[in-house]
C-alpha atoms as a PDB file:
ATOM      1  CA  MET A   1     -36.793 -31.789-142.892  1.00  0.00           C
ATOM      2  CA  ALA A   2     -36.088 -33.051-146.358  1.00  0.00           C
ATOM      3  CA  LYS A   3     -38.441 -32.264-149.174  1.00  0.00           C
ATOM      4  CA  PHE A   4     -39.452 -34.974-151.639  1.00  0.00           C
ATOM      5  CA  LYS A   5     -39.893 -34.243-155.299  1.00  0.00           C
ATOM      6  CA  PHE A   6     -40.998 -36.893-157.698  1.00  0.00           C
ATOM      7  CA  LYS A   7     -41.287 -37.207-161.432  1.00  0.00           C
ATOM      8  CA  TYR A   8     -44.408 -38.770-162.727  1.00  0.00           C
ATOM      9  CA  LYS A   9     -44.384 -39.934-166.374  1.00  0.00           C
ATOM     10  CA  GLY A  10     -48.123 -40.142-166.727  1.00  0.00           C
ATOM     11  CA  ASP A  11     -50.875 -37.593-167.427  1.00  0.00           C
ATOM     12  CA  ILE A  12     -52.097 -35.005-164.885  1.00  0.00           C
ATOM     13  CA  LYS A  13     -55.594 -36.455-165.296  1.00  0.00           C
ATOM     14  CA  ASP A  14     -54.279 -39.701-163.809  1.00  0.00           C
ATOM     15  CA  LEU A  15     -53.160 -37.839-160.734  1.00  0.00           C
ATOM     16  CA  GLU A  16     -56.594 -36.160-160.441  1.00  0.00           C
ATOM     17  CA  LYS A  17     -58.175 -39.614-160.450  1.00  0.00           C
ATOM     18  CA  VAL A  18     -56.136 -40.829-157.472  1.00  0.00           C
ATOM     19  CA  SER A  19     -56.239 -37.538-155.562  1.00  0.00           C
ATOM     20  CA  LYS A  20     -58.515 -38.995-152.838  1.00  0.00           C
ATOM     21  CA  ASP A  21     -55.781 -41.544-151.964  1.00  0.00           C
ATOM     22  CA  VAL A  22     -52.838 -39.077-152.087  1.00  0.00           C
ATOM     23  CA  THR A  23     -52.261 -39.129-148.304  1.00  0.00           C
ATOM     24  CA  LYS A  24     -52.212 -42.974-148.228  1.00  0.00           C
ATOM     25  CA  ILE A  25     -49.867 -43.056-151.252  1.00  0.00           C
ATOM     26  CA  MET A  26     -47.472 -40.608-149.639  1.00  0.00           C
ATOM     27  CA  GLU A  27     -47.479 -42.499-146.305  1.00  0.00           C
ATOM     28  CA  GLU A  28     -46.605 -45.755-148.071  1.00  0.00           C
ATOM     29  CA  THR A  29     -43.954 -43.992-150.106  1.00  0.00           C
ATOM     30  CA  LEU A  30     -42.408 -42.394-147.036  1.00  0.00           C
ATOM     31  CA  LEU A  31     -42.434 -45.691-145.186  1.00  0.00           C
ATOM     32  CA  GLU A  32     -40.480 -47.195-148.105  1.00  0.00           C
ATOM     33  CA  GLY A  33     -37.852 -44.452-147.729  1.00  0.00           C
ATOM     34  CA  ALA A  34     -37.818 -44.813-143.950  1.00  0.00           C
ATOM     35  CA  ASN A  35     -37.157 -48.573-144.306  1.00  0.00           C
ATOM     36  CA  VAL A  36     -34.076 -47.839-146.429  1.00  0.00           C
ATOM     37  CA  ALA A  37     -32.867 -45.232-143.869  1.00  0.00           C
ATOM     38  CA  ALA A  38     -33.527 -47.610-140.945  1.00  0.00           C
ATOM     39  CA  ASP A  39     -31.576 -50.426-142.642  1.00  0.00           C
ATOM     40  CA  SER A  40     -28.649 -48.105-143.267  1.00  0.00           C
ATOM     41  CA  LEU A  41     -28.829 -46.665-139.751  1.00  0.00           C
ATOM     42  CA  ARG A  42     -28.920 -50.173-138.197  1.00  0.00           C
ATOM     43  CA  SER A  43     -25.932 -51.469-140.212  1.00  0.00           C
ATOM     44  CA  THR A  44     -23.925 -48.367-139.482  1.00  0.00           C
ATOM     45  CA  ALA A  45     -24.714 -48.440-135.780  1.00  0.00           C
ATOM     46  CA  LYS A  46     -23.707 -52.127-135.613  1.00  0.00           C
ATOM     47  CA  GLY A  47     -20.243 -51.001-136.815  1.00  0.00           C
ATOM     48  CA  LEU A  48     -19.673 -48.566-133.974  1.00  0.00           C
ATOM     49  CA  ARG A  49     -16.482 -49.005-131.985  1.00  0.00           C
ATOM     50  CA  THR A  50     -16.923 -49.672-128.306  1.00  0.00           C
ATOM     51  CA  ALA A  51     -14.748 -49.417-125.182  1.00  0.00           C
ATOM     52  CA  ASP A  52     -15.248 -51.217-121.890  1.00  0.00           C
ATOM     53  CA  LYS A  53     -13.161 -48.824-119.809  1.00  0.00           C
ATOM     54  CA  TYR A  54     -14.429 -45.638-118.286  1.00  0.00           C
ATOM     55  CA  ALA A  55     -12.535 -42.543-119.322  1.00  0.00           C
ATOM     56  CA  TRP A  56     -10.844 -40.814-116.357  1.00  0.00           C
ATOM     57  CA  GLY A  57      -9.697 -37.208-116.291  1.00  0.00           C
ATOM     58  CA  ASN A  58      -9.442 -35.581-119.684  1.00  0.00           C
ATOM     59  CA  GLN A  59      -9.523 -38.845-121.633  1.00  0.00           C
ATOM     60  CA  LYS A  60     -12.273 -39.606-124.097  1.00  0.00           C
ATOM     61  CA  ARG A  61     -13.749 -42.977-124.838  1.00  0.00           C
ATOM     62  CA  TYR A  62     -15.937 -44.751-127.348  1.00  0.00           C
ATOM     63  CA  ALA A  63     -19.396 -45.774-126.437  1.00  0.00           C
ATOM     64  CA  SER A  64     -19.708 -48.742-124.121  1.00  0.00           C
ATOM     65  CA  LYS A  65     -21.059 -52.089-125.289  1.00  0.00           C
ATOM     66  CA  ALA A  66     -24.172 -51.511-123.187  1.00  0.00           C
ATOM     67  CA  GLU A  67     -24.783 -48.086-124.749  1.00  0.00           C
ATOM     68  CA  LYS A  68     -24.416 -49.558-128.234  1.00  0.00           C
ATOM     69  CA  ALA A  69     -26.814 -52.412-127.385  1.00  0.00           C
ATOM     70  CA  GLU A  70     -29.416 -49.950-125.983  1.00  0.00           C
ATOM     71  CA  LEU A  71     -29.007 -47.723-129.071  1.00  0.00           C
ATOM     72  CA  LEU A  72     -29.734 -50.733-131.381  1.00  0.00           C
ATOM     73  CA  ALA A  73     -32.626 -51.947-129.235  1.00  0.00           C
ATOM     74  CA  ASN A  74     -34.372 -48.569-129.237  1.00  0.00           C
ATOM     75  CA  MET A  75     -34.319 -47.798-132.931  1.00  0.00           C
ATOM     76  CA  GLY A  76     -37.748 -47.201-134.499  1.00  0.00           C
ATOM     77  CA  TYR A  77     -39.985 -45.056-136.625  1.00  0.00           C
ATOM     78  CA  SER A  78     -41.789 -41.882-135.828  1.00  0.00           C
ATOM     79  CA  PRO A  79     -45.562 -42.404-135.732  1.00  0.00           C
ATOM     80  CA  GLU A  80     -47.391 -41.976-138.983  1.00  0.00           C
ATOM     81  CA  GLY A  81     -49.211 -38.712-139.254  1.00  0.00           C
ATOM     82  CA  THR A  82     -49.584 -35.319-140.754  1.00  0.00           C
ATOM     83  CA  LYS A  83     -48.540 -31.935-139.498  1.00  0.00           C
ATOM     84  CA  GLY A  84     -50.684 -29.485-141.417  1.00  0.00           C
ATOM     85  CA  SER A  85     -49.933 -30.196-145.029  1.00  0.00           C
ATOM     86  CA  LEU A  86     -46.756 -32.189-144.246  1.00  0.00           C
ATOM     87  CA  ILE A  87     -46.718 -35.947-144.042  1.00  0.00           C
ATOM     88  CA  ASP A  88     -44.109 -37.125-141.608  1.00  0.00           C
ATOM     89  CA  ARG A  89     -42.318 -40.479-141.286  1.00  0.00           C
ATOM     90  CA  LYS A  90     -38.771 -40.918-139.996  1.00  0.00           C
ATOM     91  CA  ALA A  91     -36.444 -43.641-138.786  1.00  0.00           C
ATOM     92  CA  GLY A  92     -34.507 -42.847-135.647  1.00  0.00           C
ATOM     93  CA  PHE A  93     -34.048 -43.487-131.955  1.00  0.00           C
ATOM     94  CA  GLU A  94     -36.501 -43.256-129.080  1.00  0.00           C
ATOM     95  CA  GLY A  95     -36.777 -44.090-125.403  1.00  0.00           C
ATOM     96  CA  TYR A  96     -34.373 -44.073-122.492  1.00  0.00           C
ATOM     97  CA  THR A  97     -31.394 -46.079-121.341  1.00  0.00           C
ATOM     98  CA  LYS A  98     -31.648 -48.232-118.180  1.00  0.00           C
ATOM     99  CA  LYS A  99     -30.009 -45.298-116.344  1.00  0.00           C
ATOM    100  CA  GLY A 100     -32.714 -42.876-117.638  1.00  0.00           C
ATOM    101  CA  PHE A 101     -30.627 -41.105-120.305  1.00  0.00           C
ATOM    102  CA  PRO A 102     -32.500 -40.224-123.540  1.00  0.00           C
ATOM    103  CA  ILE A 103     -31.483 -42.487-126.421  1.00  0.00           C
ATOM    104  CA  PRO A 104     -31.704 -39.754-129.093  1.00  0.00           C
ATOM    105  CA  LYS A 105     -29.287 -37.637-127.034  1.00  0.00           C
ATOM    106  CA  LEU A 106     -26.968 -40.623-126.646  1.00  0.00           C
ATOM    107  CA  ALA A 107     -27.038 -41.145-130.373  1.00  0.00           C
ATOM    108  CA  ASN A 108     -26.156 -37.510-130.894  1.00  0.00           C
ATOM    109  CA  PHE A 109     -23.306 -37.617-128.395  1.00  0.00           C
ATOM    110  CA  ILE A 110     -21.865 -40.683-130.175  1.00  0.00           C
ATOM    111  CA  ASN A 111     -22.308 -38.967-133.584  1.00  0.00           C
ATOM    112  CA  VAL A 112     -20.704 -35.547-132.794  1.00  0.00           C
ATOM    113  CA  GLY A 113     -18.723 -36.396-129.652  1.00  0.00           C
ATOM    114  CA  ALA A 114     -19.006 -34.923-126.203  1.00  0.00           C
ATOM    115  CA  GLY A 115     -16.722 -34.028-123.318  1.00  0.00           C
ATOM    116  CA  TYR A 116     -16.123 -37.720-122.575  1.00  0.00           C
ATOM    117  CA  GLN A 117     -17.243 -39.270-125.876  1.00  0.00           C
ATOM    118  CA  LEU A 118     -15.142 -39.769-129.017  1.00  0.00           C
ATOM    119  CA  LYS A 119     -16.750 -38.651-132.195  1.00  0.00           C
ATOM    120  CA  GLN A 120     -18.132 -41.427-134.494  1.00  0.00           C
ATOM    121  CA  PRO A 121     -20.304 -39.746-137.188  1.00  0.00           C
ATOM    122  CA  PHE A 122     -22.474 -42.766-137.823  1.00  0.00           C
ATOM    123  CA  LEU A 123     -25.709 -40.785-138.316  1.00  0.00           C
ATOM    124  CA  ASP A 124     -24.089 -38.662-141.012  1.00  0.00           C
ATOM    125  CA  THR A 125     -22.638 -41.793-142.707  1.00  0.00           C
ATOM    126  CA  ALA A 126     -25.943 -43.655-142.651  1.00  0.00           C
ATOM    127  CA  THR A 127     -27.856 -40.694-144.042  1.00  0.00           C
ATOM    128  CA  SER A 128     -25.542 -40.058-146.926  1.00  0.00           C
ATOM    129  CA  LYS A 129     -25.345 -43.816-147.697  1.00  0.00           C
ATOM    130  CA  ALA A 130     -29.128 -44.182-147.804  1.00  0.00           C
ATOM    131  CA  ARG A 131     -30.122 -40.996-149.589  1.00  0.00           C
ATOM    132  CA  LYS A 132     -29.803 -42.111-153.240  1.00  0.00           C
ATOM    133  CA  THR A 133     -31.311 -45.556-152.655  1.00  0.00           C
ATOM    134  CA  ALA A 134     -34.211 -44.158-150.679  1.00  0.00           C
ATOM    135  CA  LYS A 135     -35.020 -41.621-153.385  1.00  0.00           C
ATOM    136  CA  GLU A 136     -34.976 -44.345-156.078  1.00  0.00           C
ATOM    137  CA  LYS A 137     -37.191 -46.678-154.055  1.00  0.00           C
ATOM    138  CA  MET A 138     -39.594 -43.864-153.153  1.00  0.00           C
ATOM    139  CA  ASN A 139     -39.953 -42.841-156.774  1.00  0.00           C
ATOM    140  CA  LYS A 140     -40.553 -46.460-157.748  1.00  0.00           C
ATOM    141  CA  LYS A 141     -43.135 -46.884-154.958  1.00  0.00           C
ATOM    142  CA  ILE A 142     -45.106 -43.773-155.811  1.00  0.00           C
ATOM    143  CA  ASP A 143     -45.353 -44.872-159.492  1.00  0.00           C
ATOM    144  CA  GLU A 144     -46.469 -48.318-158.376  1.00  0.00           C
ATOM    145  CA  GLU A 145     -49.126 -46.994-156.024  1.00  0.00           C
ATOM    146  CA  ILE A 146     -50.536 -44.547-158.596  1.00  0.00           C
ATOM    147  CA  ASN A 147     -50.592 -47.204-161.388  1.00  0.00           C
ATOM    148  CA  LYS A 148     -52.186 -49.751-158.998  1.00  0.00           C
ATOM    149  CA  ARG A 149     -55.017 -47.322-158.262  1.00  0.00           C
ATOM    150  CA  LEU A 150     -55.523 -46.371-161.907  1.00  0.00           C
ATOM    151  CA  LYS A 151     -55.806 -49.989-162.916  1.00  0.00           C
ATOM    152  CA  ARG A 152     -58.399 -50.542-160.202  1.00  0.00           C
ATOM    153  CA  GLU A 153     -60.480 -47.546-161.450  1.00  0.00           C
ATOM    154  CA  GLY A 154     -59.894 -48.052-165.167  1.00  0.00           C
END
């Protein structure tokens, strides 16, 4: 799990004033980062190579068009919530294929390869592509939310 550090340019007293809303602020901030990650993941997954033929013997193949379609159709967010003192929000895959295979496992097989599956590291690519933009948008969002609440109180 990634840890998020932010730099706030205001006074510590300002943060104390908005302390009652800190969970809501963090959830909105994490959703902003999850949106960036989801967009990157979706665009990278759309670029996956596909193969219509089944691989026989020792041959490996790319994901089928149906697998790629199911992967894109079952992308979503983890539910909002807290785990102890951690606030959790992630973009990823959920559910099962029509054949009953778990979508997160399919995504992992496509990402790292398997006995029959050629490696296409789309999860790694999407994560590294989104990291910088997500951090920037999250820092901007947290400043906006704190300033919005300070203006309401002040």
